[in-house]
Amino acid sequence: MPMKSWGHRERLVGLCWFGALVALCGVTATVSGVPAGPGLALAGTVLGCWEAVGLWLWSVYATGSRDGSRGRR
């Protein structure tokens, strides 16, 4: 049985959660005293936020809110 491929939204959500996990690992490493911990936390935070913005932009594009008709009747 063929599997359905993941859509763009699912990839964005997955990468956003991965970024959050990397940020959490970076915070744990920072608390533990690992020198690379703050950089890892920053990289995870940036990845998570970047993908969250991408997810927001995708939802705006997918729902048709970009055409300026929102709020006008």
Protein backbone atom coordinates (compact mmCIF):
# COMPACT_ATOMS: atom_id res chain seq x y z
CA MET A 1 0.00 0.00 0.00
CA PRO A 2 1.54 3.35 -1.00
CA MET A 3 2.13 5.84 1.77
CA LYS A 4 0.92 9.40 1.49
CA SER A 5 3.86 11.77 1.32
CA TRP A 6 4.10 14.51 3.90
CA GLY A 7 2.88 17.90 2.89
CA HIS A 8 4.63 21.20 3.40
CA ARG A 9 2.70 21.93 6.60
CA GLU A 10 3.76 18.66 8.22
CA ARG A 11 7.41 19.30 7.37
CA LEU A 12 7.23 22.76 8.91
CA VAL A 13 5.61 21.43 12.07
CA GLY A 14 8.20 18.65 12.32
CA LEU A 15 11.13 21.01 11.93
CA CYS A 16 9.60 23.43 14.42
CA TRP A 17 9.38 20.66 17.03
CA PHE A 18 12.92 19.57 16.15
CA GLY A 19 14.12 23.14 16.75
CA ALA A 20 12.38 23.17 20.12
CA LEU A 21 14.05 19.88 21.02
CA VAL A 22 17.49 21.21 20.02
CA ALA A 23 16.85 24.36 22.08
CA LEU A 24 15.89 22.24 25.08
CA CYS A 25 19.04 20.14 24.70
CA GLY A 26 21.06 23.36 24.47
CA VAL A 27 19.53 24.69 27.67
CA THR A 28 20.27 21.40 29.42
CA ALA A 29 23.85 21.48 28.13
CA THR A 30 24.25 25.09 29.31
CA VAL A 31 23.03 24.22 32.79
CA SER A 32 25.42 21.25 32.82
CA GLY A 33 28.34 23.53 31.97
CA VAL A 34 29.07 22.39 28.41
CA PRO A 35 30.81 25.25 26.53
CA ALA A 36 28.78 24.68 23.33
CA GLY A 37 25.45 24.76 25.21
CA PRO A 38 24.48 28.41 24.59
CA GLY A 39 25.22 28.10 20.87
CA LEU A 40 23.14 24.95 20.64
CA ALA A 41 20.26 26.61 22.49
CA LEU A 42 20.45 29.64 20.20
CA ALA A 43 20.54 27.47 17.06
CA GLY A 44 17.50 25.50 18.21
CA THR A 45 15.61 28.66 19.08
CA VAL A 46 16.37 30.22 15.71
CA LEU A 47 15.34 27.04 13.87
CA GLY A 48 12.11 26.74 15.82
CA CYS A 49 11.17 30.39 15.32
CA TRP A 50 12.09 30.32 11.63
CA GLU A 51 9.89 27.31 11.02
CA ALA A 52 7.06 28.81 13.11
CA VAL A 53 7.14 31.91 10.91
CA GLY A 54 7.15 29.65 7.85
CA LEU A 55 4.16 27.77 9.24
CA TRP A 56 2.32 31.04 9.83
CA LEU A 57 3.09 32.23 6.31
CA TRP A 58 1.95 28.88 4.91
CA SER A 59 -1.36 29.16 6.76
CA VAL A 60 -1.90 32.69 5.45
CA TYR A 61 -1.18 31.50 1.93
CA ALA A 62 -3.30 28.34 2.25
CA THR A 63 -6.36 30.06 3.69
CA GLY A 64 -6.41 32.81 1.09
CA SER A 65 -5.98 35.62 3.60
CA ARG A 66 -3.35 37.22 1.39
CA ASP A 67 -5.86 38.65 -1.09
CA GLY A 68 -6.91 41.54 1.15
CA SER A 69 -10.51 40.36 1.51
CA ARG A 70 -10.17 39.74 5.23
CA GLY A 71 -12.33 42.14 7.17
CA ARG A 72 -14.08 43.52 4.09
CA ARG A 73 -17.61 42.58 3.16
